[in-house]
């Protein structure tokens, strides 16, 4: 699972951590809605539930990556903030992508670690 943080929003550390948590749970729930996703989650669990957080440059980039994830057949979840704290409501904060290593790397392999 790779989580892409929208760095253009300049979220504080705690806010970013919470948004990554939302994305992790969101993409997990998406995967659990299908038999193939459940099998993928079981394999992921056996291999340590690897999660990698990388830097996204902008909302536009997250949207492009979201489309790429959909086109590649990955499970994905885009977090939109409620706007109660640091950033405006509806801000797209973190995109979670889950699939095979090859699928996810083809989409996120060029992004830098957070």
PDB file of N, CA and C in Angstrom:
ATOM      1  N   UNK A   1       0.850  -1.168   0.000  1.00  0.00           N
ATOM      2  CA  UNK A   1       0.000   0.000   0.000  1.00  0.00           C
ATOM      3  C   UNK A   1       0.895   1.230   0.000  1.00  0.00           C
ATOM      4  N   UNK A   2       0.594   2.140  -0.899  1.00  0.00           N
ATOM      5  CA  UNK A   2       1.321   3.400  -0.952  1.00  0.00           C
ATOM      6  C   UNK A   2       0.330   4.518  -0.677  1.00  0.00           C
ATOM      7  N   UNK A   3       0.759   5.462   0.141  1.00  0.00           N
ATOM      8  CA  UNK A   3      -0.060   6.600   0.528  1.00  0.00           C
ATOM      9  C   UNK A   3       0.640   7.866   0.056  1.00  0.00           C
ATOM     10  N   UNK A   4      -0.047   8.652  -0.763  1.00  0.00           N
ATOM     11  CA  UNK A   4       0.541   9.850  -1.353  1.00  0.00           C
ATOM     12  C   UNK A   4      -0.029  11.063  -0.640  1.00  0.00           C
ATOM     13  N   UNK A   5       0.836  11.802   0.050  1.00  0.00           N
ATOM     14  CA  UNK A   5       0.427  12.972   0.819  1.00  0.00           C
ATOM     15  C   UNK A   5       0.510  14.221  -0.044  1.00  0.00           C
ATOM     16  N   UNK A   6      -0.524  15.035   0.007  1.00  0.00           N
ATOM     17  CA  UNK A   6      -0.576  16.288  -0.745  1.00  0.00           C
ATOM     18  C   UNK A   6       0.222  17.341   0.021  1.00  0.00           C
ATOM     19  N   UNK A   7       1.477  17.504  -0.343  1.00  0.00           N
ATOM     20  CA  UNK A   7       2.373  18.398   0.389  1.00  0.00           C
ATOM     21  C   UNK A   7       2.070  19.875   0.151  1.00  0.00           C
ATOM     22  N   UNK A   8       1.299  20.191  -0.873  1.00  0.00           N
ATOM     23  CA  UNK A   8       0.964  21.593  -1.139  1.00  0.00           C
ATOM     24  C   UNK A   8       0.056  22.167  -0.057  1.00  0.00           C
ATOM     25  N   UNK A   9      -0.563  21.304   0.759  1.00  0.00           N
ATOM     26  CA  UNK A   9      -1.476  21.776   1.803  1.00  0.00           C
ATOM     27  C   UNK A   9      -0.752  22.195   3.077  1.00  0.00           C
ATOM     28  N   UNK A  10       0.513  21.867   3.199  1.00  0.00           N
ATOM     29  CA  UNK A  10       1.326  22.260   4.361  1.00  0.00           C
ATOM     30  C   UNK A  10       0.684  21.852   5.686  1.00  0.00           C
ATOM     31  N   UNK A  11       0.222  20.594   5.754  1.00  0.00           N
ATOM     32  CA  UNK A  11      -0.389  20.077   6.978  1.00  0.00           C
ATOM     33  C   UNK A  11       0.659  19.889   8.065  1.00  0.00           C
ATOM     34  N   UNK A  12       0.254  20.069   9.306  1.00  0.00           N
ATOM     35  CA  UNK A  12       1.124  19.779  10.434  1.00  0.00           C
ATOM     36  C   UNK A  12       1.335  18.276  10.545  1.00  0.00           C
ATOM     37  N   UNK A  13       2.303  17.877  11.338  1.00  0.00           N
ATOM     38  CA  UNK A  13       2.653  16.467  11.469  1.00  0.00           C
ATOM     39  C   UNK A  13       1.482  15.620  11.950  1.00  0.00           C
ATOM     40  N   UNK A  14       0.785  16.076  12.975  1.00  0.00           N
ATOM     41  CA  UNK A  14      -0.347  15.324  13.502  1.00  0.00           C
ATOM     42  C   UNK A  14      -1.482  15.224  12.510  1.00  0.00           C
ATOM     43  N   UNK A  15      -1.756  16.322  11.823  1.00  0.00           N
ATOM     44  CA  UNK A  15      -2.810  16.340  10.800  1.00  0.00           C
ATOM     45  C   UNK A  15      -2.474  15.358   9.690  1.00  0.00           C
ATOM     46  N   UNK A  16      -1.246  15.388   9.227  1.00  0.00           N
ATOM     47  CA  UNK A  16      -0.810  14.484   8.171  1.00  0.00           C
ATOM     48  C   UNK A  16      -0.930  13.028   8.614  1.00  0.00           C
ATOM     49  N   UNK A  17      -0.531  12.747   9.836  1.00  0.00           N
ATOM     50  CA  UNK A  17      -0.629  11.375  10.360  1.00  0.00           C
ATOM     51  C   UNK A  17      -2.087  10.917  10.374  1.00  0.00           C
ATOM     52  N   UNK A  18      -2.990  11.767  10.797  1.00  0.00           N
ATOM     53  CA  UNK A  18      -4.407  11.417  10.832  1.00  0.00           C
ATOM     54  C   UNK A  18      -4.942  11.161   9.422  1.00  0.00           C
ATOM     55  N   UNK A  19      -4.537  11.981   8.470  1.00  0.00           N
ATOM     56  CA  UNK A  19      -5.004  11.829   7.097  1.00  0.00           C
ATOM     57  C   UNK A  19      -4.470  10.543   6.470  1.00  0.00           C
ATOM     58  N   UNK A  20      -3.234  10.187   6.770  1.00  0.00           N
ATOM     59  CA  UNK A  20      -2.677   8.915   6.301  1.00  0.00           C
ATOM     60  C   UNK A  20      -3.468   7.750   6.899  1.00  0.00           C
ATOM     61  N   UNK A  21      -3.849   7.872   8.169  1.00  0.00           N
ATOM     62  CA  UNK A  21      -4.681   6.851   8.798  1.00  0.00           C
ATOM     63  C   UNK A  21      -6.022   6.713   8.098  1.00  0.00           C
ATOM     64  N   UNK A  22      -6.660   7.838   7.770  1.00  0.00           N
ATOM     65  CA  UNK A  22      -7.936   7.798   7.036  1.00  0.00           C
ATOM     66  C   UNK A  22      -7.765   7.087   5.693  1.00  0.00           C
ATOM     67  N   UNK A  23      -6.688   7.403   4.986  1.00  0.00           N
ATOM     68  CA  UNK A  23      -6.458   6.793   3.673  1.00  0.00           C
ATOM     69  C   UNK A  23      -6.214   5.294   3.792  1.00  0.00           C
ATOM     70  N   UNK A  24      -5.459   4.898   4.795  1.00  0.00           N
ATOM     71  CA  UNK A  24      -5.190   3.472   5.010  1.00  0.00           C
ATOM     72  C   UNK A  24      -6.491   2.708   5.232  1.00  0.00           C
ATOM     73  N   UNK A  25      -7.308   3.219   6.129  1.00  0.00           N
ATOM     74  CA  UNK A  25      -8.590   2.552   6.404  1.00  0.00           C
ATOM     75  C   UNK A  25      -9.522   2.592   5.202  1.00  0.00           C
ATOM     76  N   UNK A  26      -9.516   3.710   4.490  1.00  0.00           N
ATOM     77  CA  UNK A  26     -10.394   3.827   3.327  1.00  0.00           C
ATOM     78  C   UNK A  26     -10.056   2.847   2.225  1.00  0.00           C
ATOM     79  N   UNK A  27      -8.794   2.715   1.898  1.00  0.00           N
ATOM     80  CA  UNK A  27      -8.405   1.798   0.827  1.00  0.00           C
ATOM     81  C   UNK A  27      -8.574   0.350   1.285  1.00  0.00           C
ATOM     82  N   UNK A  28      -8.346   0.087   2.552  1.00  0.00           N
ATOM     83  CA  UNK A  28      -8.584  -1.254   3.117  1.00  0.00           C
ATOM     84  C   UNK A  28     -10.060  -1.625   2.963  1.00  0.00           C
ATOM     85  N   UNK A  29     -10.953  -0.706   3.325  1.00  0.00           N
ATOM     86  CA  UNK A  29     -12.395  -0.974   3.205  1.00  0.00           C
ATOM     87  C   UNK A  29     -12.788  -1.197   1.750  1.00  0.00           C
ATOM     88  N   UNK A  30     -12.198  -0.437   0.838  1.00  0.00           N
ATOM     89  CA  UNK A  30     -12.487  -0.635  -0.587  1.00  0.00           C
ATOM     90  C   UNK A  30     -12.096  -2.045  -1.019  1.00  0.00           C
ATOM     91  N   UNK A  31     -10.911  -2.461  -0.616  1.00  0.00           N
ATOM     92  CA  UNK A  31     -10.432  -3.791  -0.998  1.00  0.00           C
ATOM     93  C   UNK A  31     -11.317  -4.887  -0.408  1.00  0.00           C
ATOM     94  N   UNK A  32     -11.791  -4.694   0.803  1.00  0.00           N
ATOM     95  CA  UNK A  32     -12.584  -5.727   1.469  1.00  0.00           C
ATOM     96  C   UNK A  32     -13.984  -5.885   0.864  1.00  0.00           C
ATOM     97  N   UNK A  33     -14.353  -5.023  -0.063  1.00  0.00           N
ATOM     98  CA  UNK A  33     -15.664  -5.104  -0.710  1.00  0.00           C
ATOM     99  C   UNK A  33     -15.726  -6.134  -1.832  1.00  0.00           C
ATOM    100  N   UNK A  34     -14.604  -6.771  -2.139  1.00  0.00           N
ATOM    101  CA  UNK A  34     -14.612  -7.775  -3.210  1.00  0.00           C
ATOM    102  C   UNK A  34     -13.809  -8.994  -2.776  1.00  0.00           C
ATOM    103  N   UNK A  35     -14.112 -10.112  -3.414  1.00  0.00           N
ATOM    104  CA  UNK A  35     -13.383 -11.337  -3.089  1.00  0.00           C
ATOM    105  C   UNK A  35     -11.913 -11.214  -3.467  1.00  0.00           C
ATOM    106  N   UNK A  36     -11.632 -10.613  -4.632  1.00  0.00           N
ATOM    107  CA  UNK A  36     -10.229 -10.452  -5.039  1.00  0.00           C
ATOM    108  C   UNK A  36      -9.496  -9.515  -4.091  1.00  0.00           C
ATOM    109  N   UNK A  37     -10.177  -8.489  -3.620  1.00  0.00           N
ATOM    110  CA  UNK A  37      -9.579  -7.571  -2.659  1.00  0.00           C
ATOM    111  C   UNK A  37      -9.301  -8.241  -1.334  1.00  0.00           C
ATOM    112  N   UNK A  38     -10.219  -9.098  -0.894  1.00  0.00           N
ATOM    113  CA  UNK A  38     -10.009  -9.826   0.359  1.00  0.00           C
ATOM    114  C   UNK A  38      -8.796 -10.742   0.260  1.00  0.00           C
ATOM    115  N   UNK A  39      -8.632 -11.385  -0.887  1.00  0.00           N
ATOM    116  CA  UNK A  39      -7.447 -12.238  -1.100  1.00  0.00           C
ATOM    117  C   UNK A  39      -6.179 -11.396  -1.070  1.00  0.00           C
ATOM    118  N   UNK A  40      -6.237 -10.216  -1.696  1.00  0.00           N
ATOM    119  CA  UNK A  40      -5.074  -9.321  -1.713  1.00  0.00           C
ATOM    120  C   UNK A  40      -4.745  -8.843  -0.301  1.00  0.00           C
ATOM    121  N   UNK A  41      -5.762  -8.506   0.483  1.00  0.00           N
ATOM    122  CA  UNK A  41      -5.540  -8.072   1.865  1.00  0.00           C
ATOM    123  C   UNK A  41      -4.930  -9.205   2.684  1.00  0.00           C
ATOM    124  N   UNK A  42      -5.401 -10.430   2.480  1.00  0.00           N
ATOM    125  CA  UNK A  42      -4.831 -11.568   3.214  1.00  0.00           C
ATOM    126  C   UNK A  42      -3.353 -11.751   2.879  1.00  0.00           C
ATOM    127  N   UNK A  43      -2.995 -11.634   1.611  1.00  0.00           N
ATOM    128  CA  UNK A  43      -1.586 -11.758   1.211  1.00  0.00           C
ATOM    129  C   UNK A  43      -0.764 -10.611   1.801  1.00  0.00           C
ATOM    130  N   UNK A  44      -1.310  -9.416   1.747  1.00  0.00           N
ATOM    131  CA  UNK A  44      -0.643  -8.226   2.295  1.00  0.00           C
ATOM    132  C   UNK A  44      -0.399  -8.403   3.793  1.00  0.00           C
ATOM    133  N   UNK A  45      -1.375  -8.965   4.485  1.00  0.00           N
ATOM    134  CA  UNK A  45      -1.254  -9.205   5.922  1.00  0.00           C
ATOM    135  C   UNK A  45      -0.144 -10.204   6.213  1.00  0.00           C
ATOM    136  N   UNK A  46      -0.074 -11.259   5.410  1.00  0.00           N
ATOM    137  CA  UNK A  46       0.979 -12.265   5.602  1.00  0.00           C
ATOM    138  C   UNK A  46       2.375 -11.691   5.374  1.00  0.00           C
ATOM    139  N   UNK A  47       2.468 -10.620   4.594  1.00  0.00           N
ATOM    140  CA  UNK A  47       3.762 -10.017   4.271  1.00  0.00           C
ATOM    141  C   UNK A  47       4.036  -8.747   5.070  1.00  0.00           C
ATOM    142  N   UNK A  48       3.352  -8.579   6.202  1.00  0.00           N
ATOM    143  CA  UNK A  48       3.684  -7.488   7.114  1.00  0.00           C
ATOM    144  C   UNK A  48       2.910  -6.200   6.928  1.00  0.00           C
ATOM    145  N   UNK A  49       1.889  -6.187   6.094  1.00  0.00           N
ATOM    146  CA  UNK A  49       1.065  -4.994   5.874  1.00  0.00           C
ATOM    147  C   UNK A  49       1.902  -3.754   5.560  1.00  0.00           C
ATOM    148  N   UNK A  50       2.778  -3.878   4.588  1.00  0.00           N
ATOM    149  CA  UNK A  50       3.682  -2.800   4.214  1.00  0.00           C
ATOM    150  C   UNK A  50       2.889  -1.571   3.769  1.00  0.00           C
ATOM    151  N   UNK A  51       3.280  -0.425   4.347  1.00  0.00           N
ATOM    152  CA  UNK A  51       2.692   0.864   3.977  1.00  0.00           C
ATOM    153  C   UNK A  51       3.843   1.830   3.745  1.00  0.00           C
ATOM    154  N   UNK A  52       3.818   2.506   2.611  1.00  0.00           N
ATOM    155  CA  UNK A  52       4.869   3.456   2.256  1.00  0.00           C
ATOM    156  C   UNK A  52       4.204   4.804   2.018  1.00  0.00           C
ATOM    157  N   UNK A  53       4.739   5.861   2.620  1.00  0.00           N
ATOM    158  CA  UNK A  53       4.190   7.201   2.450  1.00  0.00           C
ATOM    159  C   UNK A  53       5.157   8.010   1.589  1.00  0.00           C
ATOM    160  N   UNK A  54       4.613   8.598   0.528  1.00  0.00           N
ATOM    161  CA  UNK A  54       5.415   9.391  -0.402  1.00  0.00           C
ATOM    162  C   UNK A  54       4.826  10.789  -0.542  1.00  0.00           C
ATOM    163  N   UNK A  55       5.615  11.660  -1.145  1.00  0.00           N
ATOM    164  CA  UNK A  55       5.228  13.062  -1.322  1.00  0.00           C
ATOM    165  C   UNK A  55       4.497  13.272  -2.642  1.00  0.00           C
ATOM    166  N   UNK A  56       3.314  13.848  -2.538  1.00  0.00           N
ATOM    167  CA  UNK A  56       2.612  14.333  -3.717  1.00  0.00           C
ATOM    168  C   UNK A  56       2.793  15.842  -3.783  1.00  0.00           C
ATOM    169  N   UNK A  57       2.827  16.388  -4.990  1.00  0.00           N
ATOM    170  CA  UNK A  57       3.107  17.817  -5.136  1.00  0.00           C
ATOM    171  C   UNK A  57       1.868  18.696  -5.074  1.00  0.00           C
ATOM    172  N   UNK A  58       0.702  18.159  -5.472  1.00  0.00           N
ATOM    173  CA  UNK A  58      -0.475  19.008  -5.600  1.00  0.00           C
ATOM    174  C   UNK A  58      -1.744  18.170  -5.648  1.00  0.00           C
ATOM    175  N   UNK A  59      -2.861  18.849  -5.515  1.00  0.00           N
ATOM    176  CA  UNK A  59      -4.155  18.181  -5.661  1.00  0.00           C
ATOM    177  C   UNK A  59      -4.292  17.617  -7.064  1.00  0.00           C
ATOM    178  N   UNK A  60      -3.843  18.367  -8.055  1.00  0.00           N
ATOM    179  CA  UNK A  60      -3.930  17.905  -9.442  1.00  0.00           C
ATOM    180  C   UNK A  60      -3.152  16.609  -9.640  1.00  0.00           C
ATOM    181  N   UNK A  61      -1.988  16.512  -9.039  1.00  0.00           N
ATOM    182  CA  UNK A  61      -1.202  15.285  -9.146  1.00  0.00           C
ATOM    183  C   UNK A  61      -1.938  14.121  -8.489  1.00  0.00           C
ATOM    184  N   UNK A  62      -2.533  14.349  -7.317  1.00  0.00           N
ATOM    185  CA  UNK A  62      -3.291  13.286  -6.658  1.00  0.00           C
ATOM    186  C   UNK A  62      -4.439  12.820  -7.546  1.00  0.00           C
ATOM    187  N   UNK A  63      -5.110  13.752  -8.212  1.00  0.00           N
ATOM    188  CA  UNK A  63      -6.216  13.391  -9.093  1.00  0.00           C
ATOM    189  C   UNK A  63      -5.710  12.560 -10.279  1.00  0.00           C
ATOM    190  N   UNK A  64      -4.574  12.943 -10.840  1.00  0.00           N
ATOM    191  CA  UNK A  64      -3.982  12.177 -11.947  1.00  0.00           C
ATOM    192  C   UNK A  64      -3.598  10.771 -11.491  1.00  0.00           C
ATOM    193  N   UNK A  65      -3.015  10.665 -10.300  1.00  0.00           N
ATOM    194  CA  UNK A  65      -2.628   9.364  -9.765  1.00  0.00           C
ATOM    195  C   UNK A  65      -3.856   8.511  -9.442  1.00  0.00           C
ATOM    196  N   UNK A  66      -4.920   9.159  -9.013  1.00  0.00           N
ATOM    197  CA  UNK A  66      -6.174   8.459  -8.731  1.00  0.00           C
ATOM    198  C   UNK A  66      -6.705   7.816 -10.016  1.00  0.00           C
ATOM    199  N   UNK A  67      -6.687   8.566 -11.105  1.00  0.00           N
ATOM    200  CA  UNK A  67      -7.133   8.042 -12.401  1.00  0.00           C
ATOM    201  C   UNK A  67      -6.231   6.889 -12.849  1.00  0.00           C
ATOM    202  N   UNK A  68      -4.925   7.055 -12.657  1.00  0.00           N
ATOM    203  CA  UNK A  68      -3.980   6.001 -13.035  1.00  0.00           C
ATOM    204  C   UNK A  68      -4.237   4.732 -12.226  1.00  0.00           C
ATOM    205  N   UNK A  69      -4.538   4.885 -10.940  1.00  0.00           N
ATOM    206  CA  UNK A  69      -4.837   3.725 -10.086  1.00  0.00           C
ATOM    207  C   UNK A  69      -6.094   3.019 -10.578  1.00  0.00           C
ATOM    208  N   UNK A  70      -7.097   3.789 -10.896  1.00  0.00           N
ATOM    209  CA  UNK A  70      -8.346   3.209 -11.414  1.00  0.00           C
ATOM    210  C   UNK A  70      -8.085   2.459 -12.713  1.00  0.00           C
ATOM    211  N   UNK A  71      -7.354   3.094 -13.630  1.00  0.00           N
ATOM    212  CA  UNK A  71      -7.053   2.483 -14.930  1.00  0.00           C
ATOM    213  C   UNK A  71      -6.218   1.206 -14.784  1.00  0.00           C
ATOM    214  N   UNK A  72      -5.376   1.145 -13.747  1.00  0.00           N
ATOM    215  CA  UNK A  72      -4.513  -0.018 -13.529  1.00  0.00           C
ATOM    216  C   UNK A  72      -5.232  -1.142 -12.783  1.00  0.00           C
ATOM    217  N   UNK A  73      -6.453  -0.884 -12.332  1.00  0.00           N
ATOM    218  CA  UNK A  73      -7.198  -1.911 -11.605  1.00  0.00           C
ATOM    219  C   UNK A  73      -6.836  -2.018 -10.138  1.00  0.00           C
ATOM    220  N   UNK A  74      -6.240  -0.966  -9.590  1.00  0.00           N
ATOM    221  CA  UNK A  74      -5.878  -0.956  -8.175  1.00  0.00           C
ATOM    222  C   UNK A  74      -7.085  -0.552  -7.327  1.00  0.00           C
ATOM    223  N   UNK A  75      -6.991  -0.848  -6.060  1.00  0.00           N
ATOM    224  CA  UNK A  75      -7.926  -0.298  -5.084  1.00  0.00           C
ATOM    225  C   UNK A  75      -7.347   1.051  -4.673  1.00  0.00           C
ATOM    226  N   UNK A  76      -8.208   2.029  -4.454  1.00  0.00           N
ATOM    227  CA  UNK A  76      -7.719   3.360  -4.097  1.00  0.00           C
ATOM    228  C   UNK A  76      -8.760   4.092  -3.267  1.00  0.00           C
ATOM    229  N   UNK A  77      -8.294   5.087  -2.537  1.00  0.00           N
ATOM    230  CA  UNK A  77      -9.180   5.908  -1.719  1.00  0.00           C
ATOM    231  C   UNK A  77      -8.554   7.284  -1.592  1.00  0.00           C
ATOM    232  N   UNK A  78      -9.325   8.305  -1.891  1.00  0.00           N
ATOM    233  CA  UNK A  78      -8.861   9.687  -1.808  1.00  0.00           C
ATOM    234  C   UNK A  78      -9.559  10.360  -0.635  1.00  0.00           C
ATOM    235  N   UNK A  79      -8.779  10.823   0.331  1.00  0.00           N
ATOM    236  CA  UNK A  79      -9.318  11.473   1.522  1.00  0.00           C
ATOM    237  C   UNK A  79      -9.649  12.925   1.210  1.00  0.00           C
ATOM    238  N   UNK A  80     -10.862  13.323   1.586  1.00  0.00           N
ATOM    239  CA  UNK A  80     -11.258  14.728   1.504  1.00  0.00           C
ATOM    240  C   UNK A  80     -11.525  15.201   2.923  1.00  0.00           C
ATOM    241  N   UNK A  81     -10.845  16.241   3.326  1.00  0.00           N
ATOM    242  CA  UNK A  81     -10.915  16.713   4.701  1.00  0.00           C
ATOM    243  C   UNK A  81     -12.257  17.387   4.994  1.00  0.00           C
ATOM    244  N   UNK A  82     -12.694  17.259   6.236  1.00  0.00           N
ATOM    245  CA  UNK A  82     -13.951  17.876   6.668  1.00  0.00           C
ATOM    246  C   UNK A  82     -13.804  19.366   6.942  1.00  0.00           C
ATOM    247  N   UNK A  83     -12.577  19.835   7.114  1.00  0.00           N
ATOM    248  CA  UNK A  83     -12.347  21.263   7.287  1.00  0.00           C
ATOM    249  C   UNK A  83     -12.504  21.782   8.700  1.00  0.00           C
ATOM    250  N   UNK A  84     -12.428  20.907   9.699  1.00  0.00           N
ATOM    251  CA  UNK A  84     -12.613  21.348  11.076  1.00  0.00           C
ATOM    252  C   UNK A  84     -11.361  21.950  11.698  1.00  0.00           C
ATOM    253  N   UNK A  85     -10.192  21.710  11.119  1.00  0.00           N
ATOM    254  CA  UNK A  85      -8.966  22.179  11.774  1.00  0.00           C
ATOM    255  C   UNK A  85      -8.109  23.031  10.851  1.00  0.00           C
ATOM    256  N   UNK A  86      -7.069  22.469  10.272  1.00  0.00           N
ATOM    257  CA  UNK A  86      -6.029  23.259   9.625  1.00  0.00           C
ATOM    258  C   UNK A  86      -6.283  23.657   8.179  1.00  0.00           C
ATOM    259  N   UNK A  87      -7.096  22.918   7.475  1.00  0.00           N
ATOM    260  CA  UNK A  87      -7.233  23.149   6.031  1.00  0.00           C
ATOM    261  C   UNK A  87      -8.701  23.248   5.639  1.00  0.00           C
ATOM    262  N   UNK A  88      -8.987  23.837   4.471  1.00  0.00           N
ATOM    263  CA  UNK A  88     -10.379  24.027   4.055  1.00  0.00           C
ATOM    264  C   UNK A  88     -11.119  22.710   3.796  1.00  0.00           C
ATOM    265  N   UNK A  89     -12.409  22.729   4.061  1.00  0.00           N
ATOM    266  CA  UNK A  89     -13.261  21.570   3.795  1.00  0.00           C
ATOM    267  C   UNK A  89     -13.151  21.169   2.333  1.00  0.00           C
ATOM    268  N   UNK A  90     -13.116  19.864   2.099  1.00  0.00           N
ATOM    269  CA  UNK A  90     -13.035  19.340   0.741  1.00  0.00           C
ATOM    270  C   UNK A  90     -11.628  19.203   0.199  1.00  0.00           C
ATOM    271  N   UNK A  91     -10.632  19.677   0.958  1.00  0.00           N
ATOM    272  CA  UNK A  91      -9.241  19.544   0.508  1.00  0.00           C
ATOM    273  C   UNK A  91      -8.906  18.066   0.368  1.00  0.00           C
ATOM    274  N   UNK A  92      -8.261  17.715  -0.719  1.00  0.00           N
ATOM    275  CA  UNK A  92      -7.844  16.336  -0.960  1.00  0.00           C
ATOM    276  C   UNK A  92      -6.448  16.171  -0.375  1.00  0.00           C
ATOM    277  N   UNK A  93      -6.380  15.387   0.689  1.00  0.00           N
ATOM    278  CA  UNK A  93      -5.163  15.355   1.502  1.00  0.00           C
ATOM    279  C   UNK A  93      -4.226  14.194   1.207  1.00  0.00           C
ATOM    280  N   UNK A  94      -4.768  12.977   1.109  1.00  0.00           N
ATOM    281  CA  UNK A  94      -3.942  11.782   0.915  1.00  0.00           C
ATOM    282  C   UNK A  94      -4.684  10.814   0.008  1.00  0.00           C
ATOM    283  N   UNK A  95      -3.944  10.213  -0.915  1.00  0.00           N
ATOM    284  CA  UNK A  95      -4.469   9.161  -1.779  1.00  0.00           C
ATOM    285  C   UNK A  95      -3.809   7.852  -1.384  1.00  0.00           C
ATOM    286  N   UNK A  96      -4.616   6.845  -1.077  1.00  0.00           N
ATOM    287  CA  UNK A  96      -4.114   5.507  -0.803  1.00  0.00           C
ATOM    288  C   UNK A  96      -4.305   4.628  -2.020  1.00  0.00           C
ATOM    289  N   UNK A  97      -3.277   3.877  -2.396  1.00  0.00           N
ATOM    290  CA  UNK A  97      -3.340   2.959  -3.536  1.00  0.00           C
ATOM    291  C   UNK A  97      -2.865   1.589  -3.072  1.00  0.00           C
ATOM    292  N   UNK A  98      -3.642   0.552  -3.447  1.00  0.00           N
ATOM    293  CA  UNK A  98      -3.347  -0.811  -3.018  1.00  0.00           C
ATOM    294  C   UNK A  98      -3.546  -1.748  -4.202  1.00  0.00           C
ATOM    295  N   UNK A  99      -2.575  -2.595  -4.419  1.00  0.00           N
ATOM    296  CA  UNK A  99      -2.626  -3.591  -5.482  1.00  0.00           C
ATOM    297  C   UNK A  99      -1.344  -4.394  -5.445  1.00  0.00           C
ATOM    298  N   UNK A 100      -1.033  -5.024  -6.563  1.00  0.00           N
ATOM    299  CA  UNK A 100       0.234  -5.752  -6.601  1.00  0.00           C
ATOM    300  C   UNK A 100       1.387  -4.754  -6.579  1.00  0.00           C
ATOM    301  N   UNK A 101       2.545  -5.237  -6.180  1.00  0.00           N
ATOM    302  CA  UNK A 101       3.730  -4.375  -6.150  1.00  0.00           C
ATOM    303  C   UNK A 101       3.955  -3.758  -7.527  1.00  0.00           C
ATOM    304  N   UNK A 102       3.803  -4.567  -8.571  1.00  0.00           N
ATOM    305  CA  UNK A 102       4.030  -4.073  -9.933  1.00  0.00           C
ATOM    306  C   UNK A 102       3.026  -2.988 -10.309  1.00  0.00           C
ATOM    307  N   UNK A 103       1.758  -3.209  -9.978  1.00  0.00           N
ATOM    308  CA  UNK A 103       0.723  -2.210 -10.286  1.00  0.00           C
ATOM    309  C   UNK A 103       1.019  -0.890  -9.577  1.00  0.00           C
ATOM    310  N   UNK A 104       1.251  -0.962  -8.284  1.00  0.00           N
ATOM    311  CA  UNK A 104       1.420   0.248  -7.488  1.00  0.00           C
ATOM    312  C   UNK A 104       2.724   0.960  -7.857  1.00  0.00           C
ATOM    313  N   UNK A 105       3.798   0.186  -8.067  1.00  0.00           N
ATOM    314  CA  UNK A 105       5.076   0.798  -8.446  1.00  0.00           C
ATOM    315  C   UNK A 105       4.988   1.510  -9.793  1.00  0.00           C
ATOM    316  N   UNK A 106       4.179   0.979 -10.703  1.00  0.00           N
ATOM    317  CA  UNK A 106       4.046   1.618 -12.021  1.00  0.00           C
ATOM    318  C   UNK A 106       3.398   2.995 -11.899  1.00  0.00           C
ATOM    319  N   UNK A 107       2.656   3.220 -10.854  1.00  0.00           N
ATOM    320  CA  UNK A 107       1.967   4.493 -10.638  1.00  0.00           C
ATOM    321  C   UNK A 107       2.770   5.436  -9.737  1.00  0.00           C
ATOM    322  N   UNK A 108       3.366   4.879  -8.679  1.00  0.00           N
ATOM    323  CA  UNK A 108       3.971   5.720  -7.646  1.00  0.00           C
ATOM    324  C   UNK A 108       5.492   5.607  -7.557  1.00  0.00           C
ATOM    325  N   UNK A 109       6.089   4.771  -8.386  1.00  0.00           N
ATOM    326  CA  UNK A 109       7.534   4.502  -8.273  1.00  0.00           C
ATOM    327  C   UNK A 109       8.430   5.703  -8.387  1.00  0.00           C
ATOM    328  N   UNK A 110       7.991   6.763  -9.047  1.00  0.00           N
ATOM    329  CA  UNK A 110       8.824   7.946  -9.226  1.00  0.00           C
ATOM    330  C   UNK A 110       8.693   8.981  -8.127  1.00  0.00           C
ATOM    331  N   UNK A 111       7.852   8.736  -7.140  1.00  0.00           N
ATOM    332  CA  UNK A 111       7.622   9.714  -6.079  1.00  0.00           C
ATOM    333  C   UNK A 111       8.636   9.529  -4.944  1.00  0.00           C
ATOM    334  N   UNK A 112       8.958  10.618  -4.284  1.00  0.00           N
ATOM    335  CA  UNK A 112       9.942  10.588  -3.201  1.00  0.00           C
ATOM    336  C   UNK A 112       9.286  10.222  -1.868  1.00  0.00           C
ATOM    337  N   UNK A 113      10.034   9.486  -1.044  1.00  0.00           N
ATOM    338  CA  UNK A 113       9.549   9.132   0.285  1.00  0.00           C
ATOM    339  C   UNK A 113       9.338  10.382   1.125  1.00  0.00           C
ATOM    340  N   UNK A 114       8.379  10.300   2.022  1.00  0.00           N
ATOM    341  CA  UNK A 114       8.102  11.420   2.924  1.00  0.00           C
ATOM    342  C   UNK A 114       9.158  11.466   4.004  1.00  0.00           C
TER     343      UNK A 114
END
